[in-house]
Amino acid sequence: MLDANLNSAKLNSLGLPKAPADTRVVVAMSGGVDSSVVAAMLKDEGYDVVGVTLQLYDHGAALAKKGACCAGRDIHDARRVAETMGFPHYVLDYENTFREAVIEEFADAYLAGATPVPCIRCNERVKFKDLLATARDLDADCMATGHYIQRKMGAGPELHRAADANRDQSYFLFSTTPDQLDYLRFPLGHLGSKAETRALAAKYGLPVADKPDSQDICFVPNGNYAAVIEKLRPGAADPGEIVDLAGNVLGQHNGVIHYTVGQRKGLGIGGLEEPLYVVKLDPATRRVVVGPKTALSTRIIPVREINWLGDAPFEATEHHIEVKVRSTRPPRAAIVRPLSPTTAEVELLDPEDGVSAGQACVFYEPNSTRVLGGGWVWRGK
């Protein structure tokens, strides 16, 4: 039921050569329905399940929020699921780690005019690093999460998109390393819809069966990025000028952090013959540069911090693959030309609008569900 391509009857459903009762699994539990179902399902199959929830920021602030993951309410819900299913559950204080590894970079990236994706950094630097190390310390045979992505066996463990394209989270997991992939399991990746997950939650009588999905970044209440950044970096919302591509002043703004590349609405500059879009943010001069939609078109994307999951060595040749620079858009054909083991120039065969520094560029194998890794968009070439 869990990982595809298990060819030996001697392997359990997690692909390990031992009985479920002799297989310890640490489940990363956010308190949501997905990870709760993973824990309940594995416990029902007879595995030695240990639930772990990370406290990522102050409970007092978290309890006042709705629609975000990892809050105090969610820790309580994860504990209730563990009590319902009868397995141990632990809460680990990762506030300092999360602040240093995720929140601080998030604020600095916005101040630099980039568009960060903190959920990727959280997976990379906290969940799949520190938490995974904790799972090993607990003598777990593997760690399971509620992410919608698949782990399949080829020459070794491979990362694949989820069966349900609407739930696929591969964009947020491209930086998973081969060593991590060897240890991780994703029991929900094969499911055809979220309705199947909720049906399983109801089957196991979980108290979170009808709990809404989280929408916001966990430490950003109501999607208000600017308020969080201004609190972390006082003075970040200093006003400045809105200018066109020729440098002509068209208006004033109340802080570069309120804008993103590709934005059209809310610019506060009327009376124009054609719609204008944010094409560049210049924090040094506190200028928001706007222009026509054609100015957003990008064909060449410089990428760094590349994590390569393909079979052939990354630097051996250029790669004709597909890439995503936004989680909500389908992959598009591209050529990746390696410059070093961790940097490359990506050429899109068809231009993309609104590519910004700080976004992820995720690699996919053409005509396949396989994820080949990816990297981070940056300004220089």
Protein backbone atom coordinates (compact mmCIF):
# COMPACT_ATOMS: atom_id res chain seq x y z
CA MET A 1 0.00 0.00 0.00
CA LEU A 2 2.80 2.42 0.70
CA ASP A 3 5.85 2.37 -1.55
CA ALA A 4 5.64 1.05 -5.08
CA ASN A 5 7.96 -1.51 -6.68
CA LEU A 6 8.36 -3.73 -3.61
CA ASN A 7 9.17 -7.03 -5.26
CA SER A 8 9.96 -9.22 -2.31
CA ALA A 9 7.41 -10.86 -0.03
CA LYS A 10 10.02 -10.65 2.72
CA LEU A 11 9.67 -6.86 2.83
CA ASN A 12 7.00 -5.23 4.95
CA SER A 13 4.77 -2.43 3.58
CA LEU A 14 7.50 0.11 4.39
CA GLY A 15 10.01 -1.83 2.32
CA LEU A 16 11.98 -3.14 5.30
CA PRO A 17 12.96 -6.81 5.86
CA LYS A 18 11.29 -7.34 9.23
CA ALA A 19 7.88 -7.77 10.78
CA PRO A 20 5.86 -4.58 11.42
CA ALA A 21 5.94 -5.20 15.18
CA ASP A 22 9.75 -5.16 15.01
CA THR A 23 9.84 -1.98 12.89
CA ARG A 24 9.95 1.33 14.73
CA VAL A 25 8.60 4.31 12.77
CA VAL A 26 8.80 7.92 13.90
CA VAL A 27 5.88 9.85 12.42
CA ALA A 28 6.25 13.63 12.06
CA MET A 29 2.87 14.83 13.32
CA SER A 30 1.72 18.39 12.62
CA GLY A 31 -1.69 17.84 14.20
CA GLY A 32 -3.42 17.91 10.82
CA VAL A 33 -5.43 15.13 9.22
CA ASP A 34 -2.66 13.96 6.86
CA SER A 35 0.07 13.11 9.34
CA SER A 36 -2.55 11.84 11.80
CA VAL A 37 -3.80 9.33 9.24
CA VAL A 38 -0.22 8.19 8.55
CA ALA A 39 0.34 7.50 12.24
CA ALA A 40 -3.01 5.75 12.68
CA MET A 41 -2.57 3.64 9.56
CA LEU A 42 0.88 2.44 10.56
CA LYS A 43 -0.24 1.71 14.12
CA ASP A 44 -3.19 -0.26 12.74
CA GLU A 45 -0.78 -2.33 10.63
CA GLY A 46 1.13 -3.26 13.76
CA TYR A 47 4.17 -1.01 13.50
CA ASP A 48 5.97 0.36 16.56
CA VAL A 49 4.86 3.98 16.06
CA VAL A 50 6.31 6.99 17.85
CA GLY A 51 4.67 10.34 17.16
CA VAL A 52 6.76 13.52 17.29
CA THR A 53 5.45 17.08 17.00
CA LEU A 54 7.67 20.12 16.74
CA GLN A 55 6.96 23.27 18.70
CA LEU A 56 8.18 25.88 16.25
CA TYR A 57 7.16 29.12 17.88
CA ASP A 58 5.51 30.61 20.96
CA HIS A 59 2.32 28.83 21.96
CA GLY A 60 0.66 32.01 23.20
CA ALA A 61 0.82 33.58 19.78
CA ALA A 62 -0.02 30.34 18.05
CA LEU A 63 -3.21 29.71 19.99
CA ALA A 64 -4.65 32.99 18.76
CA LYS A 65 -4.27 31.93 15.12
CA LYS A 66 -6.43 29.89 12.81
CA GLY A 67 -5.62 28.19 9.53
CA ALA A 68 -1.92 27.60 10.15
CA CYS A 69 0.11 24.49 10.87
CA CYS A 70 2.11 23.62 13.96
CA ALA A 71 0.22 25.92 16.35
CA GLY A 72 -0.63 25.10 19.98
CA ARG A 73 -4.02 23.76 18.95
CA ASP A 74 -2.33 21.42 16.51
CA ILE A 75 0.03 20.06 19.15
CA HIS A 76 -3.00 19.29 21.29
CA ASP A 77 -4.70 17.55 18.35
CA ALA A 78 -1.63 15.42 17.61
CA ARG A 79 -1.56 14.32 21.24
CA ARG A 80 -5.25 13.36 21.09
CA VAL A 81 -4.64 11.23 17.99
CA ALA A 82 -1.79 9.43 19.75
CA GLU A 83 -4.04 8.77 22.76
CA THR A 84 -6.82 7.51 20.49
CA MET A 85 -4.53 5.06 18.68
CA GLY A 86 -2.39 4.13 21.68
CA PHE A 87 1.16 5.10 20.75
CA PRO A 88 3.65 7.43 22.48
CA HIS A 89 3.82 11.06 21.45
CA TYR A 90 6.50 13.66 22.14
CA VAL A 91 6.69 17.41 21.63
CA LEU A 92 10.14 18.81 20.88
CA ASP A 93 11.01 22.48 21.35
CA TYR A 94 12.54 23.66 18.08
CA GLU A 95 11.75 27.35 18.46
CA ASN A 96 15.34 28.55 18.32
CA THR A 97 16.25 26.27 15.43
CA PHE A 98 13.17 27.28 13.44
CA ARG A 99 13.73 30.97 14.04
CA GLU A 100 17.37 30.84 13.00
CA ALA A 101 17.00 28.42 10.08
CA VAL A 102 13.70 29.62 8.60
CA ILE A 103 12.15 32.82 9.97
CA GLU A 104 15.28 35.00 9.97
CA GLU A 105 16.13 34.06 6.38
CA PHE A 106 12.52 34.64 5.35
CA ALA A 107 12.65 38.20 6.67
CA ASP A 108 16.08 38.93 5.17
CA ALA A 109 15.03 37.54 1.76
CA TYR A 110 12.00 39.80 1.61
CA LEU A 111 14.12 42.78 2.61
CA ALA A 112 16.47 41.92 -0.27
CA GLY A 113 13.56 41.98 -2.73
CA ALA A 114 13.32 38.20 -3.10
CA THR A 115 10.28 35.93 -2.87
CA PRO A 116 11.21 33.23 -0.33
CA VAL A 117 9.53 29.84 0.12
CA PRO A 118 9.98 29.11 3.85
CA CYS A 119 8.14 25.76 3.79
CA ILE A 120 10.96 24.31 1.68
CA ARG A 121 13.59 25.59 4.10
CA CYS A 122 11.63 24.11 7.02
CA ASN A 123 11.59 20.68 5.38
CA GLU A 124 15.26 20.97 4.44
CA ARG A 125 16.71 22.43 7.62
CA VAL A 126 14.37 21.29 10.38
CA LYS A 127 12.09 18.35 9.57
CA PHE A 128 14.42 16.37 7.30
CA LYS A 129 17.56 17.32 9.18
CA ASP A 130 17.14 17.76 12.93
CA LEU A 131 13.93 15.78 13.29
CA LEU A 132 15.28 13.00 11.11
CA ALA A 133 18.40 12.88 13.29
CA THR A 134 16.15 12.61 16.34
CA ALA A 135 14.33 9.69 14.72
CA ARG A 136 17.64 7.91 14.27
CA ASP A 137 18.50 8.64 17.91
CA LEU A 138 15.23 6.92 18.86
CA ASP A 139 16.45 3.82 16.98
CA ALA A 140 13.67 4.20 14.41
CA ASP A 141 14.01 2.19 11.22
CA CYS A 142 12.49 5.03 9.21
CA MET A 143 10.57 8.29 9.51
CA ALA A 144 7.16 8.82 7.92
CA THR A 145 5.40 12.08 7.06
CA GLY A 146 2.02 13.13 5.71
CA HIS A 147 3.41 14.77 2.57
CA TYR A 148 1.75 14.01 -0.74
CA ILE A 149 4.69 12.65 -2.69
CA GLN A 150 5.84 9.16 -3.62
CA ARG A 151 9.00 7.23 -2.92
CA LYS A 152 9.62 4.49 -5.47
CA MET A 153 12.46 2.06 -5.95
CA GLY A 154 14.57 2.16 -9.11
CA ALA A 155 18.32 1.72 -9.00
CA GLY A 156 17.79 3.22 -5.53
CA PRO A 157 15.04 5.23 -3.83
CA GLU A 158 13.49 7.76 -6.21
CA LEU A 159 11.26 10.75 -5.52
CA HIS A 160 8.04 10.93 -7.56
CA ARG A 161 5.07 13.25 -7.75
CA ALA A 162 1.93 12.29 -5.86
CA ALA A 163 -0.78 10.29 -7.61
CA ASP A 164 -3.17 13.19 -7.02
CA ALA A 165 -1.78 16.10 -9.02
CA ASN A 166 -3.93 18.53 -7.02
CA ARG A 167 -2.23 17.49 -3.78
CA ASP A 168 1.31 16.98 -5.07
CA GLN A 169 3.94 18.56 -2.81
CA SER A 170 7.06 17.73 -4.83
CA TYR A 171 7.82 21.44 -5.34
CA PHE A 172 8.32 21.79 -1.58
CA LEU A 173 10.47 18.65 -1.23
CA PHE A 174 12.98 18.99 -4.07
CA SER A 175 15.89 19.46 -1.64
CA THR A 176 15.41 16.01 -0.09
CA THR A 177 18.79 14.31 -0.39
CA PRO A 178 19.40 10.69 -1.46
CA ASP A 179 20.47 9.80 2.10
CA GLN A 180 17.29 11.32 3.54
CA LEU A 181 15.17 9.62 0.89
CA ASP A 182 16.61 6.28 1.90
CA TYR A 183 15.20 6.81 5.42
CA LEU A 184 11.92 8.61 4.68
CA ARG A 185 8.51 7.17 3.85
CA PHE A 186 5.45 8.95 2.42
CA PRO A 187 2.41 6.70 2.96
CA LEU A 188 -0.17 9.07 1.40
CA GLY A 189 1.52 9.70 -1.94
CA HIS A 190 -0.35 6.94 -3.74
CA LEU A 191 -3.85 8.13 -2.74
CA GLY A 192 -6.09 9.51 -5.45
CA SER A 193 -7.67 12.35 -3.48
CA LYS A 194 -7.84 14.11 -0.12
CA ALA A 195 -11.30 12.55 0.30
CA GLU A 196 -9.58 9.17 0.65
CA THR A 197 -7.42 10.55 3.46
CA ARG A 198 -10.43 11.92 5.32
CA ALA A 199 -12.26 8.61 4.85
CA LEU A 200 -9.34 6.85 6.52
CA ALA A 201 -9.40 9.38 9.37
CA ALA A 202 -13.08 8.64 9.90
CA LYS A 203 -12.41 4.90 9.73
CA TYR A 204 -9.89 5.17 12.56
CA GLY A 205 -12.13 7.48 14.57
CA LEU A 206 -9.59 10.28 14.65
CA PRO A 207 -10.66 13.55 16.30
CA VAL A 208 -9.15 15.52 13.39
CA ALA A 209 -11.12 13.78 10.63
CA ASP A 210 -12.97 16.98 9.67
CA LYS A 211 -10.23 19.45 10.54
CA PRO A 212 -9.70 22.05 7.77
CA ASP A 213 -6.43 22.09 5.85
CA SER A 214 -3.89 24.73 6.84
CA GLN A 215 -3.61 27.59 4.36
CA ASP A 216 -1.08 30.09 5.66
CA ILE A 217 2.63 29.76 6.32
CA CYS A 218 2.61 28.67 9.95
CA PHE A 219 4.27 31.77 11.38
CA VAL A 220 2.43 34.27 9.11
CA PRO A 221 -1.08 34.98 10.45
CA ASN A 222 -3.67 35.53 7.71
CA GLY A 223 -1.00 35.71 5.02
CA ASN A 224 0.19 39.13 6.20
CA TYR A 225 3.89 38.80 5.36
CA ALA A 226 4.60 42.51 5.72
CA ALA A 227 3.39 42.66 9.33
CA VAL A 228 5.65 39.77 10.31
CA ILE A 229 8.68 41.24 8.55
CA GLU A 230 8.12 44.70 10.01
CA LYS A 231 7.98 43.16 13.49
CA LEU A 232 11.21 41.25 12.88
CA ARG A 233 12.98 44.08 11.07
CA PRO A 234 11.77 47.49 12.33
CA GLY A 235 11.97 50.10 9.59
CA ALA A 236 11.46 47.54 6.83
CA ALA A 237 8.32 49.33 5.67
CA ASP A 238 10.00 52.67 4.96
CA PRO A 239 8.28 54.45 2.04
CA GLY A 240 9.80 55.03 -1.38
CA GLU A 241 9.09 55.67 -5.05
CA ILE A 242 7.27 53.66 -7.70
CA VAL A 243 9.10 54.19 -11.00
CA ASP A 244 8.81 52.95 -14.55
CA LEU A 245 11.58 51.22 -16.47
CA ALA A 246 13.03 54.59 -17.50
CA GLY A 247 13.17 55.76 -13.89
CA ASN A 248 10.23 58.15 -14.12
CA VAL A 249 8.43 58.52 -10.79
CA LEU A 250 4.81 57.35 -11.03
CA GLY A 251 3.87 57.33 -7.37
CA GLN A 252 4.83 56.49 -3.81
CA HIS A 253 4.71 53.24 -1.87
CA ASN A 254 4.67 52.39 1.83
CA GLY A 255 7.44 49.80 1.83
CA VAL A 256 9.08 47.46 -0.69
CA ILE A 257 8.08 44.50 1.49
CA HIS A 258 4.45 45.02 0.45
CA TYR A 259 5.21 44.10 -3.17
CA THR A 260 6.23 41.04 -5.15
CA VAL A 261 7.48 40.59 -8.70
CA GLY A 262 4.52 40.05 -11.03
CA GLN A 263 2.06 41.95 -8.85
CA ARG A 264 -0.53 44.03 -10.70
CA LYS A 265 -3.19 44.97 -8.17
CA GLY A 266 -2.74 47.43 -5.32
CA LEU A 267 -0.03 49.56 -6.93
CA GLY A 268 -1.98 52.79 -6.31
CA ILE A 269 -1.06 54.38 -9.65
CA GLY A 270 -4.10 55.14 -11.78
CA GLY A 271 -4.77 56.96 -15.02
CA LEU A 272 -2.46 54.77 -17.12
CA GLU A 273 -3.13 53.60 -20.66
CA GLU A 274 -1.97 50.04 -20.05
CA PRO A 275 -1.77 47.84 -16.94
CA LEU A 276 1.57 47.83 -15.18
CA TYR A 277 3.21 45.06 -13.17
CA VAL A 278 5.99 44.97 -10.62
CA VAL A 279 9.03 43.87 -12.61
CA LYS A 280 11.78 44.56 -10.07
CA LEU A 281 12.28 45.46 -6.42
CA ASP A 282 15.29 47.58 -5.47
CA PRO A 283 15.57 47.62 -1.66
CA ALA A 284 18.80 49.63 -1.74
CA THR A 285 17.02 52.64 -3.26
CA ARG A 286 13.60 51.67 -1.84
CA ARG A 287 12.22 51.68 -5.38
CA VAL A 288 9.46 49.52 -6.84
CA VAL A 289 10.01 49.27 -10.60
CA VAL A 290 6.94 48.68 -12.77
CA GLY A 291 6.48 47.95 -16.45
CA PRO A 292 4.32 46.19 -19.05
CA LYS A 293 3.65 42.47 -18.80
CA THR A 294 6.20 41.79 -21.54
CA ALA A 295 8.91 43.03 -19.16
CA LEU A 296 8.15 40.09 -16.84
CA SER A 297 9.04 37.49 -19.44
CA THR A 298 12.06 35.36 -18.48
CA ARG A 299 13.81 32.65 -20.47
CA ILE A 300 17.19 32.29 -18.69
CA ILE A 301 17.15 31.48 -14.97
CA PRO A 302 20.31 31.27 -12.85
CA VAL A 303 19.97 28.55 -10.20
CA ARG A 304 22.17 27.65 -7.23
CA GLU A 305 22.19 25.29 -4.19
CA ILE A 306 21.17 22.50 -6.53
CA ASN A 307 20.17 19.13 -5.11
CA TRP A 308 20.43 16.54 -7.89
CA LEU A 309 18.46 13.29 -7.69
CA GLY A 310 19.07 11.99 -11.21
CA ASP A 311 21.01 8.82 -12.02
CA ALA A 312 23.71 10.38 -14.23
CA PRO A 313 26.22 12.78 -12.65
CA PHE A 314 24.82 16.31 -12.73
CA GLU A 315 27.89 17.91 -14.32
CA ALA A 316 28.34 15.24 -16.96
CA THR A 317 26.09 16.89 -19.55
CA GLU A 318 23.28 19.34 -20.07
CA HIS A 319 19.87 17.99 -19.14
CA HIS A 320 16.72 18.25 -21.26
CA ILE A 321 14.06 18.11 -18.59
CA GLU A 322 10.99 19.95 -17.28
CA VAL A 323 11.01 22.55 -14.51
CA LYS A 324 8.62 24.39 -12.21
CA VAL A 325 9.32 27.85 -10.83
CA ARG A 326 5.94 28.07 -9.11
CA SER A 327 4.16 25.36 -7.17
CA THR A 328 0.81 26.14 -8.82
CA ARG A 329 1.96 25.91 -12.44
CA PRO A 330 2.64 22.77 -14.49
CA PRO A 331 6.21 21.86 -15.39
CA ARG A 332 7.55 23.29 -18.65
CA ALA A 333 10.31 22.11 -20.98
CA ALA A 334 13.79 23.41 -20.23
CA ILE A 335 17.49 22.81 -20.71
CA VAL A 336 19.66 22.76 -17.59
CA ARG A 337 23.30 23.61 -18.23
CA PRO A 338 25.49 22.79 -15.21
CA LEU A 339 28.11 25.34 -14.20
CA SER A 340 29.33 23.46 -11.10
CA PRO A 341 28.03 20.63 -8.89
CA THR A 342 25.50 23.04 -7.33
CA THR A 343 24.94 25.84 -9.88
CA ALA A 344 23.41 25.94 -13.34
CA GLU A 345 21.77 28.07 -16.00
CA VAL A 346 18.24 26.99 -16.82
CA GLU A 347 16.87 27.89 -20.25
CA LEU A 348 13.09 27.73 -20.60
CA LEU A 349 11.95 26.74 -24.09
CA ASP A 350 8.91 28.98 -23.53
CA PRO A 351 9.35 32.09 -21.37
CA GLU A 352 7.83 32.32 -17.89
CA ASP A 353 6.40 35.52 -16.40
CA GLY A 354 7.36 36.90 -13.00
CA VAL A 355 10.34 34.73 -12.06
CA SER A 356 11.87 36.16 -8.89
CA ALA A 357 14.97 35.55 -6.82
CA GLY A 358 14.15 33.31 -3.87
CA GLN A 359 11.79 31.02 -5.74
CA ALA A 360 12.53 27.35 -6.16
CA CYS A 361 13.26 25.88 -9.58
CA VAL A 362 12.32 22.20 -9.41
CA PHE A 363 13.46 19.60 -11.95
CA TYR A 364 11.30 16.80 -13.36
CA GLU A 365 11.96 13.92 -15.76
CA PRO A 366 9.93 14.38 -18.98
CA ASN A 367 7.01 11.97 -19.54
CA SER A 368 7.44 10.69 -16.01
CA THR A 369 6.45 11.46 -12.43
CA ARG A 370 10.05 11.41 -11.24
CA VAL A 371 11.51 14.42 -9.41
CA LEU A 372 15.13 15.09 -10.36
CA GLY A 373 15.84 17.67 -7.67
CA GLY A 374 16.13 21.42 -8.14
CA GLY A 375 17.66 24.59 -6.80
CA TRP A 376 17.06 28.23 -5.91
CA VAL A 377 16.62 31.13 -8.32
CA TRP A 378 19.04 33.97 -7.72
CA ARG A 379 19.90 37.29 -9.36
CA GLY A 380 23.40 36.81 -10.67
CA LYS A 381 24.51 34.75 -13.63
